[in-house]
Structures are given as structure tokens and as C-alpha cells.
């Protein structure tokens, strides 16, 4: 059985979301939007992408590291590697645009 990664409490019941359900849903949306819009395909993304994106969003929101660890169920600060990689990728894009001549 696939392990539930999240749940939603309705008025009458609790609905659990498995990692497989999340992956299929995420990839369906990416496929609908297309590579031309997003710059990546459904095969380039998975539930790990959500975890790294969430880590970055919490970092940008100023959430303390210990709180990020609790929310993300991380037992070490290894998740900080996600943040560092995303900052480097973002900074590269900013640097490239800074050196482009303006009309």
C-alpha cells in the first residue's frame, strides 16, 4: 500500500492523498500546460520537486530551519542543499540578464 503523504478533513471523513496520487496529478497538470510554457516535461518532475519547492518557499518566508525540519519531516539539514541549488540557479539567471545590453 502506498503511504499517505497528506490528508484532507471534510465534514464527514478524512481523505488521504498517496504519493502516487500526488505524482500522477502533478504530472497531468505539467503535461496539460506543456513544455513550451513550463520549460520542462512531466518526466522531469515528481513529488521530490514539491519538497524542494516547499523548502525554498519556507526559506524565502523566513521560516526558521528547525521549523522547516519539523514541517518537512527532515531529520537533518540536508534539505538545505535544495535551497542552495535553487538560489544558484536563480542567481545565474539574474546575472545573465544583468549583462544583457538594453535597447
C-alpha atoms as a PDB file:
ATOM      1  CA  UNK A   1       0.000   0.000   0.000  1.00  0.00           C
ATOM      2  CA  UNK A   2       1.217   3.470  -0.905  1.00  0.00           C
ATOM      3  CA  UNK A   3       1.951   5.618   2.138  1.00  0.00           C
ATOM      4  CA  UNK A   4      -0.316   8.646   2.637  1.00  0.00           C
ATOM      5  CA  UNK A   5       1.640  11.892   2.337  1.00  0.00           C
ATOM      6  CA  UNK A   6      -1.179  14.236   3.242  1.00  0.00           C
ATOM      7  CA  UNK A   7      -4.811  14.258   4.194  1.00  0.00           C
ATOM      8  CA  UNK A   8      -7.856  16.465   3.876  1.00  0.00           C
ATOM      9  CA  UNK A   9     -10.526  16.584   6.546  1.00  0.00           C
ATOM     10  CA  UNK A  10     -14.035  17.080   5.190  1.00  0.00           C
ATOM     11  CA  UNK A  11     -17.145  17.426   7.345  1.00  0.00           C
ATOM     12  CA  UNK A  12     -17.756  13.688   7.246  1.00  0.00           C
ATOM     13  CA  UNK A  13     -14.457  11.950   6.593  1.00  0.00           C
ATOM     14  CA  UNK A  14     -10.699  12.146   6.148  1.00  0.00           C
ATOM     15  CA  UNK A  15      -9.366  11.731   2.628  1.00  0.00           C
ATOM     16  CA  UNK A  16      -5.755  10.608   2.359  1.00  0.00           C
ATOM     17  CA  UNK A  17      -3.525  11.511  -0.577  1.00  0.00           C
ATOM     18  CA  UNK A  18      -0.891   8.949  -1.521  1.00  0.00           C
ATOM     19  CA  UNK A  19       2.423   9.905  -3.083  1.00  0.00           C
ATOM     20  CA  UNK A  20       1.337   8.046  -6.235  1.00  0.00           C
ATOM     21  CA  UNK A  21      -1.848  10.146  -6.474  1.00  0.00           C
ATOM     22  CA  UNK A  22       0.122  13.363  -5.977  1.00  0.00           C
ATOM     23  CA  UNK A  23       2.675  12.327  -8.607  1.00  0.00           C
ATOM     24  CA  UNK A  24       0.043  11.415 -11.202  1.00  0.00           C
ATOM     25  CA  UNK A  25      -1.879  14.653 -10.564  1.00  0.00           C
ATOM     26  CA  UNK A  26       1.239  16.806 -10.731  1.00  0.00           C
ATOM     27  CA  UNK A  27       2.423  15.201 -13.950  1.00  0.00           C
ATOM     28  CA  UNK A  28      -1.033  15.535 -15.535  1.00  0.00           C
ATOM     29  CA  UNK A  29      -1.016  19.294 -14.870  1.00  0.00           C
ATOM     30  CA  UNK A  30       2.523  19.640 -16.244  1.00  0.00           C
ATOM     31  CA  UNK A  31       1.530  17.684 -19.347  1.00  0.00           C
ATOM     32  CA  UNK A  32      -1.561  19.898 -19.837  1.00  0.00           C
ATOM     33  CA  UNK A  33       0.489  23.101 -19.563  1.00  0.00           C
ATOM     34  CA  UNK A  34       3.250  21.747 -21.794  1.00  0.00           C
ATOM     35  CA  UNK A  35       6.998  22.047 -22.175  1.00  0.00           C
ATOM     36  CA  UNK A  36       6.629  25.262 -24.169  1.00  0.00           C
ATOM     37  CA  UNK A  37       5.058  27.052 -21.200  1.00  0.00           C
ATOM     38  CA  UNK A  38       6.986  25.479 -18.327  1.00  0.00           C
ATOM     39  CA  UNK A  39      10.348  24.625 -19.856  1.00  0.00           C
ATOM     40  CA  UNK A  40      10.228  21.042 -18.529  1.00  0.00           C
ATOM     41  CA  UNK A  41       8.215  17.900 -19.182  1.00  0.00           C
ATOM     42  CA  UNK A  42       6.118  15.678 -16.942  1.00  0.00           C
ATOM     43  CA  UNK A  43       9.027  13.228 -16.803  1.00  0.00           C
ATOM     44  CA  UNK A  44      11.255  15.914 -15.272  1.00  0.00           C
ATOM     45  CA  UNK A  45       9.102  16.397 -12.187  1.00  0.00           C
ATOM     46  CA  UNK A  46       7.985  14.360  -9.206  1.00  0.00           C
ATOM     47  CA  UNK A  47       6.989  14.623  -5.584  1.00  0.00           C
ATOM     48  CA  UNK A  48      10.603  15.442  -4.729  1.00  0.00           C
ATOM     49  CA  UNK A  49      10.109  18.671  -6.700  1.00  0.00           C
ATOM     50  CA  UNK A  50       7.322  19.640  -4.305  1.00  0.00           C
ATOM     51  CA  UNK A  51       9.523  19.048  -1.276  1.00  0.00           C
ATOM     52  CA  UNK A  52      12.374  21.150  -2.653  1.00  0.00           C
ATOM     53  CA  UNK A  53       9.980  23.898  -3.771  1.00  0.00           C
ATOM     54  CA  UNK A  54       8.332  23.937  -0.357  1.00  0.00           C
ATOM     55  CA  UNK A  55      11.733  24.169   1.341  1.00  0.00           C
ATOM     56  CA  UNK A  56      12.601  27.176  -0.828  1.00  0.00           C
ATOM     57  CA  UNK A  57       9.244  28.857  -0.178  1.00  0.00           C
ATOM     58  CA  UNK A  58       9.657  28.421   3.585  1.00  0.00           C
ATOM     59  CA  UNK A  59      13.219  29.764   3.386  1.00  0.00           C
ATOM     60  CA  UNK A  60      12.075  32.846   1.459  1.00  0.00           C
ATOM     61  CA  UNK A  61       9.297  33.355   4.016  1.00  0.00           C
ATOM     62  CA  UNK A  62      11.873  33.442   6.810  1.00  0.00           C
ATOM     63  CA  UNK A  63      10.755  30.214   8.478  1.00  0.00           C
ATOM     64  CA  UNK A  64      13.415  29.047  10.969  1.00  0.00           C
ATOM     65  CA  UNK A  65      15.393  25.947   9.963  1.00  0.00           C
ATOM     66  CA  UNK A  66      14.134  23.890  12.930  1.00  0.00           C
ATOM     67  CA  UNK A  67      10.515  24.622  11.894  1.00  0.00           C
ATOM     68  CA  UNK A  68      11.277  23.690   8.289  1.00  0.00           C
ATOM     69  CA  UNK A  69      12.708  20.406   9.534  1.00  0.00           C
ATOM     70  CA  UNK A  70       9.548  19.663  11.526  1.00  0.00           C
ATOM     71  CA  UNK A  71       7.175  20.559   8.702  1.00  0.00           C
ATOM     72  CA  UNK A  72       9.173  18.700   6.053  1.00  0.00           C
ATOM     73  CA  UNK A  73       9.890  15.728   8.339  1.00  0.00           C
ATOM     74  CA  UNK A  74      13.622  16.085   7.708  1.00  0.00           C
ATOM     75  CA  UNK A  75      15.948  14.540  10.292  1.00  0.00           C
ATOM     76  CA  UNK A  76      18.958  16.568   9.155  1.00  0.00           C
ATOM     77  CA  UNK A  77      19.717  19.864   7.452  1.00  0.00           C
ATOM     78  CA  UNK A  78      20.404  18.061   4.152  1.00  0.00           C
ATOM     79  CA  UNK A  79      17.303  19.735   2.669  1.00  0.00           C
ATOM     80  CA  UNK A  80      19.276  22.989   2.694  1.00  0.00           C
ATOM     81  CA  UNK A  81      21.043  21.620  -0.414  1.00  0.00           C
ATOM     82  CA  UNK A  82      17.738  22.073  -2.303  1.00  0.00           C
ATOM     83  CA  UNK A  83      17.658  25.712  -1.315  1.00  0.00           C
ATOM     84  CA  UNK A  84      21.300  26.350  -2.198  1.00  0.00           C
ATOM     85  CA  UNK A  85      20.858  24.743  -5.636  1.00  0.00           C
ATOM     86  CA  UNK A  86      17.747  26.821  -6.375  1.00  0.00           C
ATOM     87  CA  UNK A  87      19.444  30.041  -5.250  1.00  0.00           C
ATOM     88  CA  UNK A  88      22.413  29.296  -7.541  1.00  0.00           C
ATOM     89  CA  UNK A  89      20.081  28.633 -10.490  1.00  0.00           C
ATOM     90  CA  UNK A  90      18.125  31.818  -9.805  1.00  0.00           C
ATOM     91  CA  UNK A  91      21.274  33.896  -9.361  1.00  0.00           C
ATOM     92  CA  UNK A  92      22.661  32.593 -12.654  1.00  0.00           C
ATOM     93  CA  UNK A  93      19.549  33.846 -14.462  1.00  0.00           C
ATOM     94  CA  UNK A  94      19.729  37.219 -12.755  1.00  0.00           C
ATOM     95  CA  UNK A  95      23.409  37.610 -13.581  1.00  0.00           C
ATOM     96  CA  UNK A  96      22.809  36.724 -17.227  1.00  0.00           C
ATOM     97  CA  UNK A  97      20.045  39.312 -17.528  1.00  0.00           C
ATOM     98  CA  UNK A  98      22.173  41.969 -15.843  1.00  0.00           C
ATOM     99  CA  UNK A  99      24.873  41.773 -18.527  1.00  0.00           C
ATOM    100  CA  UNK A 100      22.441  41.958 -21.474  1.00  0.00           C
ATOM    101  CA  UNK A 101      22.504  45.301 -23.295  1.00  0.00           C
ATOM    102  CA  UNK A 102      19.264  47.277 -23.048  1.00  0.00           C
ATOM    103  CA  UNK A 103      17.734  48.894 -26.156  1.00  0.00           C
END
